[in-house]
Amino acid sequence: MHILIVEDDLDLGLALQRALKADGLSSEWVRRVADAPGSFEGLTFDCVLLDLSLPDGTGMHLLARWRAAGVDIPIILVTAKAMLEDRLAGLDGGADDFVVKPFAMAELVSRIRAVLRRSARQSTEVWTIGAIEIEPRKHLARLNGNKVDLSPREFQLILELAREPGMVVAKGTLSQRLEPLGDPVDFGAVEVHICNLRRKIGVERIQTVRGIGYLLAP
């Protein structure tokens, strides 16, 4: 999973990246409104950590702009503003959660996991899609209760398909979402990883929609 951090504080930004990396999450960090993406088209972020007070603007303006543009990525506000009206304004403005500084890194990571579960329509840490169980935090997948030995890219693939079981995920989207794990992944490599994943969980569980992408059968 890939996280966008919008935070101007140097020490906190570095600490956030370390904490996310320790929990198996990759991240990209920007420090100004001007450096934040205007749109998320073609980008691969799964969640945004957004500071409200930035040197060249406010996080609320970014939040409003993104939501007005139809961006539906989970956004967690991270701020020193603890007043009730600030929290209400953020949540009513489209934020998915609100964390007040100072905070424990373990709590923030837990909140990230919670909003990602909700966005994937899963109610617990164990995602269940038919006979498949996935534990994102442990990077663990099971089939009929038995652990499936997956490479990091295979695990990321099944996790991305599991976000919308029964729905087609474009091949280009899968390619982009694998990129934070290392070098860019071309379509041929995606096909190879899909082939290996099918061999491990069953050919019938990952269906090809010709010319578009793949879906995980629920």
N, C-alpha and C. Protein backbone atom coordinates (compact mmCIF):
# COMPACT_ATOMS: atom_id res chain seq x y z
N MET A 1 0.84 -1.19 0.00
CA MET A 1 0.00 0.00 0.00
C MET A 1 0.88 1.25 0.00
N HIS A 2 0.45 2.26 -0.73
CA HIS A 2 1.27 3.44 -0.97
C HIS A 2 0.54 4.67 -0.41
N ILE A 3 1.23 5.42 0.45
CA ILE A 3 0.63 6.54 1.19
C ILE A 3 1.25 7.85 0.75
N LEU A 4 0.41 8.88 0.53
CA LEU A 4 0.90 10.23 0.28
C LEU A 4 0.89 11.00 1.60
N ILE A 5 2.04 11.57 1.95
CA ILE A 5 2.16 12.40 3.15
C ILE A 5 2.29 13.86 2.71
N VAL A 6 1.41 14.72 3.20
CA VAL A 6 1.52 16.16 2.97
C VAL A 6 1.74 16.80 4.33
N GLU A 7 2.99 17.10 4.64
CA GLU A 7 3.37 17.54 6.00
C GLU A 7 4.64 18.38 5.88
N ASP A 8 4.59 19.61 6.44
CA ASP A 8 5.74 20.51 6.29
C ASP A 8 6.81 20.29 7.34
N ASP A 9 6.48 19.68 8.47
CA ASP A 9 7.45 19.50 9.54
C ASP A 9 8.46 18.42 9.14
N LEU A 10 9.74 18.79 9.12
CA LEU A 10 10.78 17.88 8.64
C LEU A 10 10.91 16.65 9.52
N ASP A 11 10.98 16.85 10.83
CA ASP A 11 11.16 15.72 11.74
C ASP A 11 9.96 14.78 11.69
N LEU A 12 8.75 15.35 11.69
CA LEU A 12 7.56 14.51 11.67
C LEU A 12 7.44 13.77 10.34
N GLY A 13 7.74 14.44 9.24
CA GLY A 13 7.67 13.77 7.95
C GLY A 13 8.58 12.56 7.88
N LEU A 14 9.81 12.73 8.36
CA LEU A 14 10.76 11.62 8.37
C LEU A 14 10.28 10.49 9.29
N ALA A 15 9.74 10.87 10.45
CA ALA A 15 9.24 9.87 11.40
C ALA A 15 8.06 9.10 10.81
N LEU A 16 7.19 9.80 10.10
CA LEU A 16 6.04 9.14 9.47
C LEU A 16 6.52 8.13 8.43
N GLN A 17 7.48 8.52 7.60
CA GLN A 17 7.98 7.59 6.60
C GLN A 17 8.62 6.36 7.23
N ARG A 18 9.36 6.56 8.31
CA ARG A 18 9.98 5.41 8.99
C ARG A 18 8.91 4.48 9.56
N ALA A 19 7.89 5.07 10.21
CA ALA A 19 6.84 4.26 10.83
C ALA A 19 6.06 3.48 9.78
N LEU A 20 5.76 4.12 8.67
CA LEU A 20 5.03 3.43 7.61
C LEU A 20 5.86 2.31 7.01
N LYS A 21 7.14 2.58 6.77
CA LYS A 21 8.01 1.56 6.21
C LYS A 21 8.14 0.36 7.14
N ALA A 22 8.21 0.61 8.45
CA ALA A 22 8.31 -0.47 9.42
C ALA A 22 7.07 -1.34 9.42
N ASP A 23 5.93 -0.76 8.99
CA ASP A 23 4.68 -1.51 8.94
C ASP A 23 4.38 -2.04 7.54
N GLY A 24 5.36 -1.98 6.66
CA GLY A 24 5.20 -2.54 5.33
C GLY A 24 4.49 -1.64 4.35
N LEU A 25 4.39 -0.33 4.65
CA LEU A 25 3.71 0.62 3.76
C LEU A 25 4.74 1.53 3.11
N SER A 26 4.64 1.72 1.81
CA SER A 26 5.50 2.67 1.12
C SER A 26 4.84 4.05 1.13
N SER A 27 5.64 5.08 0.91
CA SER A 27 5.08 6.44 1.00
C SER A 27 5.84 7.40 0.11
N GLU A 28 5.17 8.52 -0.18
CA GLU A 28 5.78 9.66 -0.86
C GLU A 28 5.45 10.89 -0.03
N TRP A 29 6.41 11.79 0.14
CA TRP A 29 6.25 12.90 1.07
C TRP A 29 6.47 14.22 0.34
N VAL A 30 5.50 15.14 0.49
CA VAL A 30 5.67 16.51 0.00
C VAL A 30 5.40 17.46 1.17
N ARG A 31 5.93 18.68 1.07
CA ARG A 31 5.89 19.59 2.21
C ARG A 31 5.07 20.86 1.96
N ARG A 32 4.57 21.03 0.72
CA ARG A 32 3.84 22.26 0.39
C ARG A 32 2.59 21.92 -0.42
N VAL A 33 1.63 22.84 -0.39
CA VAL A 33 0.44 22.69 -1.23
C VAL A 33 0.85 22.62 -2.69
N ALA A 34 1.81 23.46 -3.08
CA ALA A 34 2.24 23.52 -4.48
C ALA A 34 2.82 22.21 -4.97
N ASP A 35 3.36 21.40 -4.06
CA ASP A 35 3.98 20.13 -4.45
C ASP A 35 3.00 18.97 -4.41
N ALA A 36 1.81 19.19 -3.85
CA ALA A 36 0.80 18.12 -3.79
C ALA A 36 0.14 17.98 -5.15
N PRO A 37 -0.28 16.77 -5.50
CA PRO A 37 -0.92 16.57 -6.81
C PRO A 37 -2.24 17.33 -6.91
N GLY A 38 -2.48 17.92 -8.07
CA GLY A 38 -3.76 18.59 -8.29
C GLY A 38 -4.87 17.60 -8.55
N SER A 39 -4.48 16.47 -9.12
CA SER A 39 -5.43 15.39 -9.37
C SER A 39 -4.70 14.08 -9.14
N PHE A 40 -5.46 13.02 -8.94
CA PHE A 40 -4.84 11.72 -8.66
C PHE A 40 -4.94 10.78 -9.85
N GLU A 41 -5.30 11.34 -11.00
CA GLU A 41 -5.40 10.51 -12.19
C GLU A 41 -4.02 9.98 -12.56
N GLY A 42 -3.92 8.66 -12.68
CA GLY A 42 -2.65 8.03 -13.02
C GLY A 42 -1.74 7.79 -11.83
N LEU A 43 -2.16 8.23 -10.63
CA LEU A 43 -1.35 8.02 -9.43
C LEU A 43 -1.85 6.80 -8.67
N THR A 44 -1.04 6.31 -7.75
CA THR A 44 -1.31 5.01 -7.15
C THR A 44 -1.47 5.05 -5.64
N PHE A 45 -1.81 6.21 -5.09
CA PHE A 45 -1.90 6.30 -3.63
C PHE A 45 -3.17 5.61 -3.11
N ASP A 46 -3.02 4.96 -1.96
CA ASP A 46 -4.15 4.29 -1.32
C ASP A 46 -4.76 5.13 -0.20
N CYS A 47 -3.98 6.10 0.32
CA CYS A 47 -4.45 6.92 1.44
C CYS A 47 -3.58 8.17 1.49
N VAL A 48 -4.14 9.26 2.04
CA VAL A 48 -3.40 10.52 2.18
C VAL A 48 -3.38 10.92 3.65
N LEU A 49 -2.19 11.29 4.14
CA LEU A 49 -2.05 11.92 5.46
C LEU A 49 -1.84 13.40 5.19
N LEU A 50 -2.79 14.24 5.62
CA LEU A 50 -2.81 15.65 5.22
C LEU A 50 -2.76 16.57 6.43
N ASP A 51 -1.70 17.36 6.51
CA ASP A 51 -1.59 18.39 7.55
C ASP A 51 -2.48 19.57 7.17
N LEU A 52 -3.10 20.19 8.16
CA LEU A 52 -3.97 21.34 7.87
C LEU A 52 -3.20 22.63 7.68
N SER A 53 -2.08 22.79 8.39
CA SER A 53 -1.32 24.04 8.34
C SER A 53 -0.05 23.83 7.52
N LEU A 54 -0.03 24.39 6.31
CA LEU A 54 1.11 24.25 5.42
C LEU A 54 1.66 25.63 5.09
N PRO A 55 2.93 25.74 4.71
CA PRO A 55 3.55 27.07 4.56
C PRO A 55 2.96 27.91 3.44
N ASP A 56 2.35 27.28 2.44
CA ASP A 56 1.83 28.06 1.32
C ASP A 56 0.33 27.88 1.12
N GLY A 57 -0.37 27.46 2.17
CA GLY A 57 -1.82 27.27 2.06
C GLY A 57 -2.32 26.37 3.17
N THR A 58 -3.54 25.88 3.02
CA THR A 58 -4.12 25.04 4.06
C THR A 58 -4.52 23.68 3.50
N GLY A 59 -4.46 22.70 4.39
CA GLY A 59 -4.90 21.37 4.01
C GLY A 59 -6.38 21.34 3.67
N MET A 60 -7.17 22.19 4.29
CA MET A 60 -8.61 22.22 3.99
C MET A 60 -8.86 22.59 2.53
N HIS A 61 -8.05 23.51 1.99
CA HIS A 61 -8.21 23.87 0.59
C HIS A 61 -7.87 22.69 -0.33
N LEU A 62 -6.81 21.97 0.04
CA LEU A 62 -6.46 20.77 -0.74
C LEU A 62 -7.58 19.74 -0.66
N LEU A 63 -8.08 19.51 0.56
CA LEU A 63 -9.15 18.54 0.76
C LEU A 63 -10.37 18.90 -0.09
N ALA A 64 -10.77 20.18 -0.03
CA ALA A 64 -11.94 20.62 -0.79
C ALA A 64 -11.72 20.46 -2.29
N ARG A 65 -10.51 20.80 -2.75
CA ARG A 65 -10.21 20.69 -4.18
C ARG A 65 -10.26 19.24 -4.64
N TRP A 66 -9.67 18.35 -3.85
CA TRP A 66 -9.65 16.94 -4.23
C TRP A 66 -11.05 16.34 -4.25
N ARG A 67 -11.82 16.63 -3.22
CA ARG A 67 -13.18 16.06 -3.18
C ARG A 67 -14.05 16.64 -4.29
N ALA A 68 -13.89 17.92 -4.58
CA ALA A 68 -14.67 18.53 -5.67
C ALA A 68 -14.31 17.90 -7.01
N ALA A 69 -13.07 17.42 -7.13
CA ALA A 69 -12.63 16.79 -8.37
C ALA A 69 -13.01 15.32 -8.44
N GLY A 70 -13.68 14.82 -7.39
CA GLY A 70 -14.12 13.44 -7.39
C GLY A 70 -13.11 12.44 -6.85
N VAL A 71 -12.04 12.94 -6.21
CA VAL A 71 -11.05 12.04 -5.62
C VAL A 71 -11.68 11.31 -4.44
N ASP A 72 -11.68 9.98 -4.47
CA ASP A 72 -12.32 9.21 -3.40
C ASP A 72 -11.32 8.43 -2.55
N ILE A 73 -10.04 8.77 -2.65
CA ILE A 73 -9.02 8.13 -1.83
C ILE A 73 -9.24 8.52 -0.36
N PRO A 74 -9.10 7.58 0.59
CA PRO A 74 -9.22 7.94 2.00
C PRO A 74 -8.21 9.01 2.40
N ILE A 75 -8.67 10.02 3.15
CA ILE A 75 -7.81 11.11 3.58
C ILE A 75 -7.92 11.26 5.09
N ILE A 76 -6.78 11.22 5.76
CA ILE A 76 -6.72 11.40 7.21
C ILE A 76 -6.04 12.75 7.49
N LEU A 77 -6.72 13.62 8.21
CA LEU A 77 -6.15 14.90 8.58
C LEU A 77 -5.25 14.72 9.79
N VAL A 78 -4.05 15.28 9.71
CA VAL A 78 -3.07 15.20 10.80
C VAL A 78 -2.70 16.63 11.15
N THR A 79 -3.06 17.08 12.36
CA THR A 79 -2.92 18.50 12.67
C THR A 79 -2.78 18.75 14.17
N ALA A 80 -2.24 19.92 14.48
CA ALA A 80 -2.15 20.35 15.88
C ALA A 80 -3.44 21.03 16.34
N LYS A 81 -4.35 21.28 15.42
CA LYS A 81 -5.61 21.94 15.77
C LYS A 81 -6.56 20.95 16.43
N ALA A 82 -6.82 21.16 17.72
CA ALA A 82 -7.60 20.19 18.49
C ALA A 82 -9.01 20.65 18.80
N MET A 83 -9.39 21.85 18.35
CA MET A 83 -10.72 22.36 18.67
C MET A 83 -11.79 21.52 17.97
N LEU A 84 -12.94 21.39 18.61
CA LEU A 84 -14.03 20.60 18.05
C LEU A 84 -14.44 21.12 16.68
N GLU A 85 -14.50 22.45 16.52
CA GLU A 85 -14.94 23.00 15.24
C GLU A 85 -13.97 22.64 14.11
N ASP A 86 -12.67 22.51 14.43
CA ASP A 86 -11.70 22.10 13.41
C ASP A 86 -11.94 20.66 12.98
N ARG A 87 -12.19 19.80 13.97
CA ARG A 87 -12.44 18.39 13.64
C ARG A 87 -13.72 18.25 12.83
N LEU A 88 -14.77 18.97 13.24
CA LEU A 88 -16.03 18.88 12.51
C LEU A 88 -15.89 19.42 11.08
N ALA A 89 -15.16 20.54 10.93
CA ALA A 89 -14.97 21.11 9.60
C ALA A 89 -14.23 20.12 8.70
N GLY A 90 -13.23 19.45 9.25
CA GLY A 90 -12.47 18.50 8.46
C GLY A 90 -13.30 17.29 8.05
N LEU A 91 -14.03 16.73 9.00
CA LEU A 91 -14.84 15.55 8.70
C LEU A 91 -16.00 15.90 7.78
N ASP A 92 -16.65 17.04 8.02
CA ASP A 92 -17.75 17.46 7.15
C ASP A 92 -17.24 17.85 5.76
N GLY A 93 -15.97 18.23 5.68
CA GLY A 93 -15.39 18.61 4.40
C GLY A 93 -14.92 17.44 3.56
N GLY A 94 -15.06 16.23 4.10
CA GLY A 94 -14.72 15.06 3.30
C GLY A 94 -13.59 14.21 3.81
N ALA A 95 -13.00 14.56 4.95
CA ALA A 95 -11.94 13.72 5.52
C ALA A 95 -12.55 12.43 6.08
N ASP A 96 -11.75 11.38 6.06
CA ASP A 96 -12.21 10.08 6.58
C ASP A 96 -11.86 9.90 8.04
N ASP A 97 -10.87 10.64 8.52
CA ASP A 97 -10.49 10.54 9.93
C ASP A 97 -9.68 11.78 10.28
N PHE A 98 -9.42 11.96 11.59
CA PHE A 98 -8.78 13.17 12.09
C PHE A 98 -7.88 12.77 13.26
N VAL A 99 -6.59 13.08 13.16
CA VAL A 99 -5.64 12.74 14.22
C VAL A 99 -4.98 14.02 14.70
N VAL A 100 -4.99 14.24 16.02
CA VAL A 100 -4.44 15.47 16.60
C VAL A 100 -3.02 15.22 17.09
N LYS A 101 -2.10 16.12 16.72
CA LYS A 101 -0.72 16.06 17.21
C LYS A 101 -0.67 16.50 18.67
N PRO A 102 0.21 15.93 19.47
CA PRO A 102 1.05 14.77 19.18
C PRO A 102 0.25 13.48 19.25
N PHE A 103 0.71 12.46 18.57
CA PHE A 103 -0.01 11.19 18.53
C PHE A 103 1.00 10.05 18.53
N ALA A 104 0.53 8.88 18.88
CA ALA A 104 1.37 7.69 18.84
C ALA A 104 1.38 7.15 17.41
N MET A 105 2.54 6.82 16.91
CA MET A 105 2.64 6.30 15.55
C MET A 105 1.81 5.03 15.37
N ALA A 106 1.79 4.20 16.40
CA ALA A 106 1.02 2.95 16.32
C ALA A 106 -0.46 3.24 16.10
N GLU A 107 -0.98 4.30 16.76
CA GLU A 107 -2.39 4.66 16.58
C GLU A 107 -2.64 5.16 15.16
N LEU A 108 -1.73 5.98 14.64
CA LEU A 108 -1.92 6.50 13.28
C LEU A 108 -1.94 5.36 12.26
N VAL A 109 -0.99 4.43 12.39
CA VAL A 109 -0.96 3.29 11.46
C VAL A 109 -2.24 2.47 11.58
N SER A 110 -2.73 2.31 12.80
CA SER A 110 -3.98 1.58 13.00
C SER A 110 -5.15 2.30 12.32
N ARG A 111 -5.16 3.63 12.39
CA ARG A 111 -6.23 4.40 11.74
C ARG A 111 -6.13 4.28 10.21
N ILE A 112 -4.91 4.27 9.69
CA ILE A 112 -4.74 4.05 8.25
C ILE A 112 -5.33 2.71 7.85
N ARG A 113 -5.01 1.67 8.62
CA ARG A 113 -5.55 0.34 8.32
C ARG A 113 -7.08 0.36 8.36
N ALA A 114 -7.63 1.09 9.32
CA ALA A 114 -9.09 1.12 9.47
C ALA A 114 -9.76 1.78 8.25
N VAL A 115 -9.22 2.93 7.79
CA VAL A 115 -9.87 3.59 6.64
C VAL A 115 -9.67 2.77 5.37
N LEU A 116 -8.56 2.08 5.27
CA LEU A 116 -8.34 1.22 4.09
C LEU A 116 -9.29 0.03 4.10
N ARG A 117 -9.57 -0.51 5.29
CA ARG A 117 -10.55 -1.60 5.37
C ARG A 117 -11.92 -1.11 4.93
N ARG A 118 -12.29 0.07 5.40
CA ARG A 118 -13.61 0.59 5.03
C ARG A 118 -13.70 0.84 3.54
N SER A 119 -12.62 1.36 2.94
CA SER A 119 -12.65 1.63 1.51
C SER A 119 -12.74 0.34 0.71
N ALA A 120 -12.24 -0.77 1.28
CA ALA A 120 -12.33 -2.07 0.61
C ALA A 120 -13.57 -2.85 1.05
N ARG A 121 -14.42 -2.19 1.86
CA ARG A 121 -15.66 -2.81 2.34
C ARG A 121 -15.39 -4.08 3.15
N GLN A 122 -14.33 -4.05 3.96
CA GLN A 122 -14.01 -5.15 4.86
C GLN A 122 -14.14 -4.64 6.29
N SER A 123 -14.67 -5.46 7.17
CA SER A 123 -14.97 -5.00 8.53
C SER A 123 -13.89 -5.39 9.54
N THR A 124 -12.98 -6.28 9.19
CA THR A 124 -11.94 -6.71 10.12
C THR A 124 -10.59 -6.71 9.42
N GLU A 125 -9.52 -7.00 10.19
CA GLU A 125 -8.17 -7.07 9.64
C GLU A 125 -8.02 -8.23 8.67
N VAL A 126 -8.92 -9.21 8.74
CA VAL A 126 -8.87 -10.35 7.82
C VAL A 126 -9.90 -10.11 6.71
N TRP A 127 -9.43 -9.93 5.49
CA TRP A 127 -10.32 -9.74 4.36
C TRP A 127 -10.72 -11.11 3.83
N THR A 128 -11.99 -11.31 3.63
CA THR A 128 -12.48 -12.60 3.17
C THR A 128 -13.17 -12.45 1.82
N ILE A 129 -12.67 -13.17 0.84
CA ILE A 129 -13.25 -13.21 -0.50
C ILE A 129 -13.42 -14.68 -0.87
N GLY A 130 -14.61 -15.21 -0.67
CA GLY A 130 -14.84 -16.62 -0.91
C GLY A 130 -13.95 -17.47 -0.02
N ALA A 131 -13.18 -18.36 -0.62
CA ALA A 131 -12.29 -19.25 0.14
C ALA A 131 -10.95 -18.61 0.47
N ILE A 132 -10.76 -17.37 0.03
CA ILE A 132 -9.49 -16.68 0.25
C ILE A 132 -9.59 -15.74 1.44
N GLU A 133 -8.58 -15.77 2.31
CA GLU A 133 -8.46 -14.83 3.42
C GLU A 133 -7.14 -14.09 3.27
N ILE A 134 -7.19 -12.76 3.45
CA ILE A 134 -6.01 -11.93 3.31
C ILE A 134 -5.84 -11.09 4.57
N GLU A 135 -4.64 -11.06 5.11
CA GLU A 135 -4.32 -10.20 6.25
C GLU A 135 -3.27 -9.19 5.78
N PRO A 136 -3.70 -7.99 5.36
CA PRO A 136 -2.76 -7.01 4.80
C PRO A 136 -1.60 -6.69 5.73
N ARG A 137 -1.88 -6.54 7.01
CA ARG A 137 -0.82 -6.14 7.94
C ARG A 137 0.26 -7.20 8.06
N LYS A 138 -0.12 -8.45 7.99
CA LYS A 138 0.85 -9.56 8.11
C LYS A 138 1.38 -10.01 6.77
N HIS A 139 0.89 -9.42 5.68
CA HIS A 139 1.27 -9.86 4.33
C HIS A 139 1.06 -11.37 4.21
N LEU A 140 -0.14 -11.79 4.58
CA LEU A 140 -0.45 -13.21 4.64
C LEU A 140 -1.74 -13.48 3.87
N ALA A 141 -1.73 -14.56 3.09
CA ALA A 141 -2.93 -14.99 2.37
C ALA A 141 -3.15 -16.48 2.63
N ARG A 142 -4.42 -16.86 2.76
CA ARG A 142 -4.78 -18.26 2.96
C ARG A 142 -5.83 -18.67 1.94
N LEU A 143 -5.77 -19.92 1.55
CA LEU A 143 -6.78 -20.51 0.67
C LEU A 143 -7.32 -21.73 1.37
N ASN A 144 -8.64 -21.71 1.65
CA ASN A 144 -9.27 -22.81 2.40
C ASN A 144 -8.56 -23.06 3.72
N GLY A 145 -8.09 -21.97 4.35
CA GLY A 145 -7.45 -22.07 5.66
C GLY A 145 -5.97 -22.36 5.62
N ASN A 146 -5.42 -22.63 4.44
CA ASN A 146 -4.01 -22.98 4.31
C ASN A 146 -3.22 -21.79 3.77
N LYS A 147 -2.08 -21.52 4.38
CA LYS A 147 -1.24 -20.40 3.97
C LYS A 147 -0.78 -20.59 2.53
N VAL A 148 -0.83 -19.49 1.76
CA VAL A 148 -0.35 -19.50 0.38
C VAL A 148 0.96 -18.72 0.34
N ASP A 149 2.01 -19.33 -0.19
CA ASP A 149 3.33 -18.71 -0.25
C ASP A 149 3.38 -17.77 -1.46
N LEU A 150 3.30 -16.45 -1.19
CA LEU A 150 3.27 -15.46 -2.27
C LEU A 150 4.49 -14.56 -2.20
N SER A 151 4.99 -14.16 -3.36
CA SER A 151 6.05 -13.15 -3.41
C SER A 151 5.44 -11.79 -3.07
N PRO A 152 6.27 -10.78 -2.74
CA PRO A 152 5.71 -9.45 -2.44
C PRO A 152 4.82 -8.90 -3.57
N ARG A 153 5.20 -9.08 -4.82
CA ARG A 153 4.39 -8.58 -5.92
C ARG A 153 3.10 -9.39 -6.07
N GLU A 154 3.17 -10.69 -5.89
CA GLU A 154 1.96 -11.51 -5.96
C GLU A 154 0.99 -11.12 -4.85
N PHE A 155 1.52 -10.86 -3.66
CA PHE A 155 0.65 -10.46 -2.56
C PHE A 155 0.00 -9.11 -2.86
N GLN A 156 0.78 -8.16 -3.39
CA GLN A 156 0.20 -6.86 -3.72
C GLN A 156 -0.86 -6.99 -4.80
N LEU A 157 -0.64 -7.86 -5.75
CA LEU A 157 -1.63 -8.09 -6.81
C LEU A 157 -2.95 -8.59 -6.25
N ILE A 158 -2.88 -9.62 -5.41
CA ILE A 158 -4.13 -10.17 -4.88
C ILE A 158 -4.81 -9.16 -3.97
N LEU A 159 -4.02 -8.35 -3.26
CA LEU A 159 -4.60 -7.32 -2.40
C LEU A 159 -5.34 -6.27 -3.24
N GLU A 160 -4.74 -5.85 -4.34
CA GLU A 160 -5.39 -4.86 -5.19
C GLU A 160 -6.66 -5.43 -5.82
N LEU A 161 -6.63 -6.67 -6.24
CA LEU A 161 -7.84 -7.29 -6.81
C LEU A 161 -8.91 -7.47 -5.75
N ALA A 162 -8.49 -7.72 -4.49
CA ALA A 162 -9.43 -7.96 -3.41
C ALA A 162 -10.13 -6.68 -2.94
N ARG A 163 -9.60 -5.52 -3.31
CA ARG A 163 -10.25 -4.26 -2.92
C ARG A 163 -11.64 -4.16 -3.54
N GLU A 164 -11.79 -4.73 -4.74
CA GLU A 164 -13.08 -4.68 -5.43
C GLU A 164 -13.39 -6.06 -6.01
N PRO A 165 -13.67 -7.03 -5.15
CA PRO A 165 -13.93 -8.38 -5.67
C PRO A 165 -15.12 -8.39 -6.62
N GLY A 166 -14.94 -9.11 -7.72
CA GLY A 166 -16.00 -9.17 -8.72
C GLY A 166 -15.99 -8.01 -9.68
N MET A 167 -15.12 -7.02 -9.47
CA MET A 167 -15.02 -5.86 -10.34
C MET A 167 -13.69 -5.92 -11.11
N VAL A 168 -13.71 -5.42 -12.33
CA VAL A 168 -12.51 -5.46 -13.16
C VAL A 168 -11.52 -4.38 -12.72
N VAL A 169 -10.25 -4.78 -12.54
CA VAL A 169 -9.17 -3.83 -12.26
C VAL A 169 -8.30 -3.77 -13.50
N ALA A 170 -8.13 -2.57 -14.05
CA ALA A 170 -7.39 -2.41 -15.30
C ALA A 170 -5.94 -2.85 -15.13
N LYS A 171 -5.41 -3.43 -16.19
CA LYS A 171 -4.02 -3.88 -16.17
C LYS A 171 -3.07 -2.71 -15.90
N GLY A 172 -3.39 -1.53 -16.47
CA GLY A 172 -2.55 -0.37 -16.22
C GLY A 172 -2.54 0.05 -14.76
N THR A 173 -3.70 -0.07 -14.11
CA THR A 173 -3.79 0.26 -12.68
C THR A 173 -2.93 -0.69 -11.86
N LEU A 174 -3.00 -1.98 -12.17
CA LEU A 174 -2.18 -2.95 -11.44
C LEU A 174 -0.70 -2.66 -11.65
N SER A 175 -0.32 -2.32 -12.88
CA SER A 175 1.08 -2.01 -13.16
C SER A 175 1.56 -0.83 -12.33
N GLN A 176 0.75 0.21 -12.23
CA GLN A 176 1.11 1.40 -11.46
C GLN A 176 1.20 1.09 -9.97
N ARG A 177 0.28 0.27 -9.49
CA ARG A 177 0.24 -0.01 -8.05
C ARG A 177 1.37 -0.93 -7.62
N LEU A 178 1.97 -1.66 -8.54
CA LEU A 178 3.12 -2.48 -8.19
C LEU A 178 4.42 -1.68 -8.20
N GLU A 179 4.41 -0.52 -8.85
CA GLU A 179 5.64 0.25 -9.00
C GLU A 179 6.27 0.68 -7.69
N PRO A 180 5.50 1.09 -6.65
CA PRO A 180 6.15 1.49 -5.40
C PRO A 180 6.97 0.38 -4.74
N LEU A 181 6.78 -0.88 -5.15
CA LEU A 181 7.57 -1.97 -4.58
C LEU A 181 8.96 -2.06 -5.20
N GLY A 182 9.22 -1.29 -6.23
CA GLY A 182 10.53 -1.37 -6.87
C GLY A 182 10.49 -0.73 -8.24
N ASP A 183 11.13 -1.39 -9.21
CA ASP A 183 11.19 -0.87 -10.56
C ASP A 183 9.80 -0.88 -11.21
N PRO A 184 9.57 0.01 -12.18
CA PRO A 184 8.29 0.00 -12.90
C PRO A 184 7.99 -1.36 -13.49
N VAL A 185 6.72 -1.72 -13.47
CA VAL A 185 6.29 -3.04 -13.94
C VAL A 185 5.53 -2.87 -15.25
N ASP A 186 6.02 -3.52 -16.32
CA ASP A 186 5.32 -3.42 -17.59
C ASP A 186 4.20 -4.46 -17.65
N PHE A 187 3.36 -4.36 -18.68
CA PHE A 187 2.19 -5.23 -18.77
C PHE A 187 2.60 -6.70 -18.86
N GLY A 188 3.71 -6.97 -19.54
CA GLY A 188 4.16 -8.35 -19.65
C GLY A 188 4.50 -8.94 -18.29
N ALA A 189 5.14 -8.14 -17.45
CA ALA A 189 5.47 -8.62 -16.10
C ALA A 189 4.22 -8.84 -15.27
N VAL A 190 3.21 -7.95 -15.42
CA VAL A 190 1.95 -8.14 -14.72
C VAL A 190 1.33 -9.47 -15.10
N GLU A 191 1.35 -9.79 -16.39
CA GLU A 191 0.78 -11.06 -16.86
C GLU A 191 1.51 -12.26 -16.26
N VAL A 192 2.83 -12.15 -16.15
CA VAL A 192 3.61 -13.23 -15.54
C VAL A 192 3.22 -13.42 -14.07
N HIS A 193 3.11 -12.30 -13.34
CA HIS A 193 2.73 -12.38 -11.92
C HIS A 193 1.31 -12.93 -11.76
N ILE A 194 0.40 -12.53 -12.65
CA ILE A 194 -0.96 -13.05 -12.61
C ILE A 194 -0.95 -14.55 -12.86
N CYS A 195 -0.15 -15.00 -13.82
CA CYS A 195 -0.04 -16.43 -14.11
C CYS A 195 0.45 -17.20 -12.89
N ASN A 196 1.48 -16.68 -12.22
CA ASN A 196 2.01 -17.34 -11.03
C ASN A 196 0.98 -17.35 -9.90
N LEU A 197 0.24 -16.23 -9.76
CA LEU A 197 -0.77 -16.15 -8.71
C LEU A 197 -1.90 -17.14 -8.98
N ARG A 198 -2.32 -17.27 -10.22
CA ARG A 198 -3.36 -18.24 -10.58
C ARG A 198 -2.92 -19.67 -10.23
N ARG A 199 -1.66 -19.95 -10.49
CA ARG A 199 -1.14 -21.30 -10.20
C ARG A 199 -1.25 -21.62 -8.71
N LYS A 200 -1.14 -20.58 -7.87
CA LYS A 200 -1.13 -20.80 -6.43
C LYS A 200 -2.52 -20.78 -5.81
N ILE A 201 -3.47 -20.02 -6.40
CA ILE A 201 -4.80 -19.92 -5.77
C ILE A 201 -5.91 -20.51 -6.64
N GLY A 202 -5.57 -20.91 -7.87
CA GLY A 202 -6.58 -21.50 -8.73
C GLY A 202 -6.88 -20.60 -9.92
N VAL A 203 -6.80 -21.17 -11.12
CA VAL A 203 -7.00 -20.40 -12.34
C VAL A 203 -8.37 -19.74 -12.37
N GLU A 204 -9.37 -20.43 -11.86
CA GLU A 204 -10.74 -19.93 -11.95
C GLU A 204 -11.00 -18.72 -11.06
N ARG A 205 -10.12 -18.45 -10.12
CA ARG A 205 -10.37 -17.36 -9.18
C ARG A 205 -9.97 -16.00 -9.73
N ILE A 206 -9.10 -15.96 -10.73
CA ILE A 206 -8.73 -14.69 -11.35
C ILE A 206 -9.14 -14.76 -12.81
N GLN A 207 -10.10 -13.96 -13.19
CA GLN A 207 -10.64 -13.99 -14.54
C GLN A 207 -10.08 -12.83 -15.36
N THR A 208 -9.82 -13.10 -16.63
CA THR A 208 -9.33 -12.07 -17.55
C THR A 208 -10.50 -11.44 -18.31
N VAL A 209 -10.54 -10.14 -18.31
CA VAL A 209 -11.49 -9.40 -19.15
C VAL A 209 -10.67 -8.82 -20.29
N ARG A 210 -10.78 -9.43 -21.44
CA ARG A 210 -9.88 -9.14 -22.55
C ARG A 210 -9.87 -7.65 -22.90
N GLY A 211 -8.65 -7.14 -23.01
CA GLY A 211 -8.47 -5.75 -23.39
C GLY A 211 -8.61 -4.76 -22.25
N ILE A 212 -8.98 -5.27 -21.05
CA ILE A 212 -9.18 -4.34 -19.92
C ILE A 212 -8.29 -4.73 -18.74
N GLY A 213 -8.54 -5.89 -18.15
CA GLY A 213 -7.77 -6.27 -16.98
C GLY A 213 -8.25 -7.57 -16.38
N TYR A 214 -8.28 -7.61 -15.05
CA TYR A 214 -8.58 -8.84 -14.33
C TYR A 214 -9.57 -8.58 -13.20
N LEU A 215 -10.26 -9.64 -12.80
CA LEU A 215 -11.13 -9.55 -11.63
C LEU A 215 -10.93 -10.79 -10.76
N LEU A 216 -11.09 -10.59 -9.46
CA LEU A 216 -11.03 -11.68 -8.49
C LEU A 216 -12.45 -12.14 -8.23
N ALA A 217 -12.74 -13.38 -8.56
CA ALA A 217 -14.08 -13.90 -8.40
C ALA A 217 -14.41 -14.05 -6.91
N PRO A 218 -15.53 -13.48 -6.45
CA PRO A 218 -15.88 -13.58 -5.02
C PRO A 218 -16.36 -14.98 -4.65
